[in-house]
C-alpha atoms as a PDB file:
ATOM      1  CA  MET A   1     -72.295 -28.049 -52.103  1.00  0.00           C
ATOM      2  CA  GLU A   2     -71.118 -24.480 -52.420  1.00  0.00           C
ATOM      3  CA  ARG A   3     -68.469 -23.715 -55.015  1.00  0.00           C
ATOM      4  CA  HIS A   4     -65.075 -23.148 -53.466  1.00  0.00           C
ATOM      5  CA  HIS A   5     -61.355 -23.369 -54.030  1.00  0.00           C
ATOM      6  CA  ILE A   6     -58.381 -23.923 -51.737  1.00  0.00           C
ATOM      7  CA  GLU A   7     -55.387 -21.622 -51.228  1.00  0.00           C
ATOM      8  CA  VAL A   8     -52.216 -22.933 -49.562  1.00  0.00           C
ATOM      9  CA  MET A   9     -51.691 -21.429 -46.089  1.00  0.00           C
ATOM     10  CA  ILE A  10     -48.872 -23.649 -44.724  1.00  0.00           C
ATOM     11  CA  ASP A  11     -46.867 -25.767 -47.155  1.00  0.00           C
ATOM     12  CA  GLU A  12     -45.808 -29.376 -46.622  1.00  0.00           C
ATOM     13  CA  ILE A  13     -42.127 -28.525 -46.034  1.00  0.00           C
ATOM     14  CA  SER A  14     -43.006 -26.083 -43.233  1.00  0.00           C
ATOM     15  CA  ILE A  15     -45.346 -28.615 -41.619  1.00  0.00           C
ATOM     16  CA  ASN A  16     -42.702 -31.371 -41.674  1.00  0.00           C
ATOM     17  CA  LYS A  17     -40.063 -29.036 -40.204  1.00  0.00           C
ATOM     18  CA  ARG A  18     -42.379 -27.974 -37.361  1.00  0.00           C
ATOM     19  CA  ILE A  19     -43.464 -31.553 -36.562  1.00  0.00           C
ATOM     20  CA  LYS A  20     -39.788 -32.553 -36.328  1.00  0.00           C
ATOM     21  CA  GLU A  21     -39.226 -29.696 -33.840  1.00  0.00           C
ATOM     22  CA  LEU A  22     -42.262 -30.729 -31.778  1.00  0.00           C
ATOM     23  CA  GLY A  23     -41.052 -34.355 -31.734  1.00  0.00           C
ATOM     24  CA  GLU A  24     -37.645 -33.236 -30.488  1.00  0.00           C
ATOM     25  CA  GLN A  25     -39.215 -31.079 -27.742  1.00  0.00           C
ATOM     26  CA  ILE A  26     -41.523 -33.856 -26.558  1.00  0.00           C
ATOM     27  CA  SER A  27     -38.608 -36.328 -26.595  1.00  0.00           C
ATOM     28  CA  GLN A  28     -36.585 -33.950 -24.385  1.00  0.00           C
ATOM     29  CA  ASP A  29     -39.506 -33.288 -22.025  1.00  0.00           C
ATOM     30  CA  TYR A  30     -40.194 -37.013 -21.588  1.00  0.00           C
ATOM     31  CA  ALA A  31     -36.596 -38.283 -21.546  1.00  0.00           C
ATOM     32  CA  GLY A  32     -36.435 -41.566 -19.614  1.00  0.00           C
ATOM     33  CA  LYS A  33     -40.218 -42.018 -19.739  1.00  0.00           C
ATOM     34  CA  LYS A  34     -42.783 -43.342 -22.150  1.00  0.00           C
ATOM     35  CA  VAL A  35     -45.527 -41.148 -23.513  1.00  0.00           C
ATOM     36  CA  TYR A  36     -49.145 -42.091 -24.145  1.00  0.00           C
ATOM     37  CA  LEU A  37     -50.482 -40.239 -27.197  1.00  0.00           C
ATOM     38  CA  ILE A  38     -54.227 -39.891 -27.558  1.00  0.00           C
ATOM     39  CA  CYS A  39     -55.069 -39.215 -31.185  1.00  0.00           C
ATOM     40  CA  ILE A  40     -58.364 -37.385 -31.561  1.00  0.00           C
ATOM     41  CA  LEU A  41     -60.068 -38.897 -34.598  1.00  0.00           C
ATOM     42  CA  LYS A  42     -60.435 -38.267 -37.412  1.00  0.00           C
ATOM     43  CA  GLY A  43     -58.622 -35.021 -37.990  1.00  0.00           C
ATOM     44  CA  SER A  44     -55.431 -35.571 -36.033  1.00  0.00           C
ATOM     45  CA  VAL A  45     -54.517 -38.995 -37.492  1.00  0.00           C
ATOM     46  CA  TYR A  46     -52.040 -37.579 -40.029  1.00  0.00           C
ATOM     47  CA  PHE A  47     -50.429 -35.290 -37.446  1.00  0.00           C
ATOM     48  CA  THR A  48     -50.293 -37.969 -34.726  1.00  0.00           C
ATOM     49  CA  CYS A  49     -48.605 -40.515 -36.988  1.00  0.00           C
ATOM     50  CA  GLU A  50     -46.006 -38.055 -38.267  1.00  0.00           C
ATOM     51  CA  LEU A  51     -45.346 -36.749 -34.750  1.00  0.00           C
ATOM     52  CA  ALA A  52     -45.029 -40.256 -33.249  1.00  0.00           C
ATOM     53  CA  LYS A  53     -42.356 -41.128 -35.846  1.00  0.00           C
ATOM     54  CA  ARG A  54     -40.282 -38.189 -34.615  1.00  0.00           C
ATOM     55  CA  ILE A  55     -40.555 -38.907 -30.869  1.00  0.00           C
ATOM     56  CA  THR A  56     -37.551 -40.891 -29.643  1.00  0.00           C
ATOM     57  CA  VAL A  57     -38.941 -42.073 -26.280  1.00  0.00           C
ATOM     58  CA  PRO A  58     -41.298 -45.086 -26.163  1.00  0.00           C
ATOM     59  CA  VAL A  59     -44.799 -44.223 -27.437  1.00  0.00           C
ATOM     60  CA  ILE A  60     -48.180 -45.788 -26.760  1.00  0.00           C
ATOM     61  CA  MET A  61     -50.930 -44.648 -29.109  1.00  0.00           C
ATOM     62  CA  ASP A  62     -54.660 -44.788 -28.559  1.00  0.00           C
ATOM     63  CA  PHE A  63     -57.651 -43.125 -30.166  1.00  0.00           C
ATOM     64  CA  MET A  64     -60.738 -41.166 -29.190  1.00  0.00           C
ATOM     65  CA  GLN A  65     -63.341 -39.726 -31.482  1.00  0.00           C
ATOM     66  CA  CYS A  66     -65.346 -36.703 -30.594  1.00  0.00           C
ATOM     67  CA  SER A  67     -66.508 -33.650 -32.432  1.00  0.00           C
ATOM     68  CA  SER A  68     -68.350 -30.394 -32.182  1.00  0.00           C
ATOM     69  CA  TYR A  69     -68.560 -29.687 -35.918  1.00  0.00           C
ATOM     70  CA  GLY A  70     -70.516 -32.314 -37.854  1.00  0.00           C
ATOM     71  CA  ALA A  71     -70.752 -31.101 -41.462  1.00  0.00           C
ATOM     72  CA  ALA A  72     -70.564 -27.425 -40.496  1.00  0.00           C
ATOM     73  CA  THR A  73     -67.657 -24.996 -40.796  1.00  0.00           C
ATOM     74  CA  LYS A  74     -68.131 -23.617 -37.277  1.00  0.00           C
ATOM     75  CA  SER A  75     -68.215 -25.456 -33.938  1.00  0.00           C
ATOM     76  CA  SER A  76     -71.727 -26.328 -32.744  1.00  0.00           C
ATOM     77  CA  GLY A  77     -70.648 -26.149 -29.098  1.00  0.00           C
ATOM     78  CA  VAL A  78     -72.027 -29.647 -28.384  1.00  0.00           C
ATOM     79  CA  VAL A  79     -69.263 -32.212 -27.822  1.00  0.00           C
ATOM     80  CA  LYS A  80     -70.149 -35.739 -28.931  1.00  0.00           C
ATOM     81  CA  LEU A  81     -67.896 -38.659 -27.848  1.00  0.00           C
ATOM     82  CA  SER A  82     -68.277 -41.547 -30.306  1.00  0.00           C
ATOM     83  CA  LYS A  83     -65.147 -43.635 -29.564  1.00  0.00           C
ATOM     84  CA  ASP A  84     -63.439 -43.988 -26.192  1.00  0.00           C
ATOM     85  CA  LEU A  85     -59.925 -45.222 -25.380  1.00  0.00           C
ATOM     86  CA  ASP A  86     -59.114 -48.924 -25.539  1.00  0.00           C
ATOM     87  CA  LEU A  87     -56.428 -48.735 -22.807  1.00  0.00           C
ATOM     88  CA  ALA A  88     -56.338 -47.308 -19.292  1.00  0.00           C
ATOM     89  CA  ILE A  89     -54.359 -44.092 -18.764  1.00  0.00           C
ATOM     90  CA  THR A  90     -53.943 -44.386 -14.987  1.00  0.00           C
ATOM     91  CA  ASP A  91     -50.414 -43.249 -13.995  1.00  0.00           C
ATOM     92  CA  GLN A  92     -49.478 -42.611 -17.656  1.00  0.00           C
ATOM     93  CA  ASP A  93     -47.872 -39.459 -19.085  1.00  0.00           C
ATOM     94  CA  VAL A  94     -50.578 -38.493 -21.548  1.00  0.00           C
ATOM     95  CA  ILE A  95     -50.558 -36.049 -24.446  1.00  0.00           C
ATOM     96  CA  ILE A  96     -53.814 -35.307 -26.244  1.00  0.00           C
ATOM     97  CA  ILE A  97     -53.038 -34.779 -29.934  1.00  0.00           C
ATOM     98  CA  GLU A  98     -55.373 -32.430 -31.794  1.00  0.00           C
ATOM     99  CA  ASP A  99     -55.415 -31.190 -35.356  1.00  0.00           C
ATOM    100  CA  ILE A 100     -56.818 -27.762 -34.481  1.00  0.00           C
ATOM    101  CA  ILE A 101     -58.003 -25.898 -31.397  1.00  0.00           C
ATOM    102  CA  ASP A 102     -60.783 -23.471 -32.109  1.00  0.00           C
ATOM    103  CA  SER A 103     -63.350 -22.631 -29.408  1.00  0.00           C
ATOM    104  CA  GLY A 104     -61.606 -24.876 -26.843  1.00  0.00           C
ATOM    105  CA  ARG A 105     -64.872 -26.554 -25.819  1.00  0.00           C
ATOM    106  CA  THR A 106     -63.949 -30.020 -27.090  1.00  0.00           C
ATOM    107  CA  LEU A 107     -60.568 -29.997 -25.354  1.00  0.00           C
ATOM    108  CA  ARG A 108     -61.947 -28.669 -22.084  1.00  0.00           C
ATOM    109  CA  HIS A 109     -64.490 -31.487 -22.113  1.00  0.00           C
ATOM    110  CA  LEU A 110     -61.807 -34.084 -22.957  1.00  0.00           C
ATOM    111  CA  LYS A 111     -59.360 -32.823 -20.324  1.00  0.00           C
ATOM    112  CA  GLU A 112     -62.042 -33.018 -17.614  1.00  0.00           C
ATOM    113  CA  LEU A 113     -63.003 -36.536 -18.704  1.00  0.00           C
ATOM    114  CA  LEU A 114     -59.404 -37.782 -18.910  1.00  0.00           C
ATOM    115  CA  ARG A 115     -58.222 -36.101 -15.694  1.00  0.00           C
ATOM    116  CA  GLN A 116     -60.794 -38.238 -13.812  1.00  0.00           C
ATOM    117  CA  ARG A 117     -58.963 -41.347 -15.059  1.00  0.00           C
ATOM    118  CA  GLY A 118     -55.813 -40.602 -13.054  1.00  0.00           C
ATOM    119  CA  PRO A 119     -52.998 -39.937 -15.535  1.00  0.00           C
ATOM    120  CA  ALA A 120     -49.581 -39.026 -14.091  1.00  0.00           C
ATOM    121  CA  SER A 121     -49.616 -35.965 -16.368  1.00  0.00           C
ATOM    122  CA  LEU A 122     -51.915 -34.593 -19.049  1.00  0.00           C
ATOM    123  CA  LYS A 123     -50.765 -32.218 -21.772  1.00  0.00           C
ATOM    124  CA  ILE A 124     -52.087 -30.973 -25.102  1.00  0.00           C
ATOM    125  CA  CYS A 125     -50.349 -30.857 -28.471  1.00  0.00           C
ATOM    126  CA  THR A 126     -52.008 -29.301 -31.503  1.00  0.00           C
ATOM    127  CA  LEU A 127     -50.933 -28.801 -35.071  1.00  0.00           C
ATOM    128  CA  LEU A 128     -52.980 -25.612 -35.403  1.00  0.00           C
ATOM    129  CA  ASP A 129     -54.271 -23.110 -32.870  1.00  0.00           C
ATOM    130  CA  LYS A 130     -56.847 -20.384 -33.559  1.00  0.00           C
ATOM    131  CA  PRO A 131     -56.670 -18.304 -30.366  1.00  0.00           C
ATOM    132  CA  SER A 132     -58.977 -15.599 -31.760  1.00  0.00           C
ATOM    133  CA  ARG A 133     -61.863 -18.129 -31.720  1.00  0.00           C
ATOM    134  CA  ARG A 134     -61.321 -19.273 -28.124  1.00  0.00           C
ATOM    135  CA  ILE A 135     -64.457 -19.337 -25.993  1.00  0.00           C
ATOM    136  CA  VAL A 136     -63.009 -21.294 -23.044  1.00  0.00           C
ATOM    137  CA  ASP A 137     -59.427 -21.183 -21.774  1.00  0.00           C
ATOM    138  CA  VAL A 138     -57.293 -24.168 -22.697  1.00  0.00           C
ATOM    139  CA  ASP A 139     -53.610 -24.526 -21.820  1.00  0.00           C
ATOM    140  CA  VAL A 140     -51.809 -25.774 -24.912  1.00  0.00           C
ATOM    141  CA  ASP A 141     -48.373 -27.229 -24.186  1.00  0.00           C
ATOM    142  CA  TYR A 142     -47.165 -27.842 -27.751  1.00  0.00           C
ATOM    143  CA  THR A 143     -48.370 -25.820 -30.742  1.00  0.00           C
ATOM    144  CA  GLY A 144     -47.410 -26.327 -34.350  1.00  0.00           C
ATOM    145  CA  PHE A 145     -48.758 -23.091 -35.802  1.00  0.00           C
ATOM    146  CA  GLN A 146     -50.993 -20.260 -34.640  1.00  0.00           C
ATOM    147  CA  ILE A 147     -53.333 -19.255 -37.441  1.00  0.00           C
ATOM    148  CA  GLU A 148     -55.880 -16.552 -38.037  1.00  0.00           C
ATOM    149  CA  ASP A 149     -59.604 -17.237 -38.115  1.00  0.00           C
ATOM    150  CA  LYS A 150     -59.887 -18.959 -41.498  1.00  0.00           C
ATOM    151  CA  PHE A 151     -61.600 -22.237 -42.362  1.00  0.00           C
ATOM    152  CA  VAL A 152     -58.752 -24.629 -43.145  1.00  0.00           C
ATOM    153  CA  VAL A 153     -58.415 -28.112 -44.618  1.00  0.00           C
ATOM    154  CA  GLY A 154     -55.653 -30.587 -45.340  1.00  0.00           C
ATOM    155  CA  TYR A 155     -53.263 -32.645 -43.259  1.00  0.00           C
ATOM    156  CA  GLY A 156     -56.247 -34.366 -41.652  1.00  0.00           C
ATOM    157  CA  LEU A 157     -58.619 -31.406 -41.495  1.00  0.00           C
ATOM    158  CA  ASP A 158     -61.725 -31.702 -43.615  1.00  0.00           C
ATOM    159  CA  TYR A 159     -64.619 -29.861 -45.164  1.00  0.00           C
ATOM    160  CA  ASP A 160     -67.586 -32.243 -45.088  1.00  0.00           C
ATOM    161  CA  GLN A 161     -65.178 -35.243 -45.013  1.00  0.00           C
ATOM    162  CA  GLN A 162     -63.155 -34.026 -48.017  1.00  0.00           C
ATOM    163  CA  TYR A 163     -59.565 -32.757 -48.357  1.00  0.00           C
ATOM    164  CA  ARG A 164     -58.064 -34.581 -45.337  1.00  0.00           C
ATOM    165  CA  ASN A 165     -55.415 -36.061 -47.637  1.00  0.00           C
ATOM    166  CA  LEU A 166     -53.940 -32.743 -48.795  1.00  0.00           C
ATOM    167  CA  PRO A 167     -50.246 -32.658 -47.744  1.00  0.00           C
ATOM    168  CA  TYR A 168     -50.526 -28.977 -46.737  1.00  0.00           C
ATOM    169  CA  ILE A 169     -52.877 -26.702 -44.801  1.00  0.00           C
ATOM    170  CA  GLY A 170     -55.165 -24.815 -47.140  1.00  0.00           C
ATOM    171  CA  VAL A 171     -57.798 -22.126 -46.682  1.00  0.00           C
ATOM    172  CA  VAL A 172     -61.222 -22.854 -48.122  1.00  0.00           C
ATOM    173  CA  GLU A 173     -62.299 -19.819 -50.135  1.00  0.00           C
ATOM    174  CA  PHE A 174     -65.977 -19.807 -51.072  1.00  0.00           C
ATOM    175  CA  ASP A 175     -66.722 -18.460 -54.533  1.00  0.00           C
ATOM    176  CA  SER A 176     -69.253 -15.661 -54.917  1.00  0.00           C
ATOM    177  CA  PRO A 177     -72.401 -16.557 -56.843  1.00  0.00           C
ATOM    178  CA  GLY A 178     -71.929 -15.927 -60.549  1.00  0.00           C
ATOM    179  CA  GLN A 179     -68.186 -16.775 -60.583  1.00  0.00           C
END
């Protein structure tokens, strides 16, 4: 593995404050309804759990696993679905919860797949958005933070399955040879 270190980009206090604000907004938008959260594994588990605790309307949570990264630091462009939902979403108010939106390919694929299942509504919530990397248009309804094009880890995001448990968002800085 390449030598690297991690610099804090967004601290834990800022993340918690923003998740509280997103929970309040979703609670307002879905007042009198229940919301069906689809957690996209593995990266958005931390975010989904923290967000769900701050939503005051009834919440149903389910999980999907798909990726376009593998062990790489850039999206491969091929979306692989390895775990589907356990429950039906027909006539449900659905929010897809993502850790980060990069190229948009994964979410476009997911939205098309889920729209065919007849939800009452389908929205997207992401902790992080990298609009400069967008290859396909994706409408994001709830965004935690817009970030520049850096490779980030922490709060569920990983580098080769490491660093998900960091309580902040950090930038992976690769060391030059000889350092």
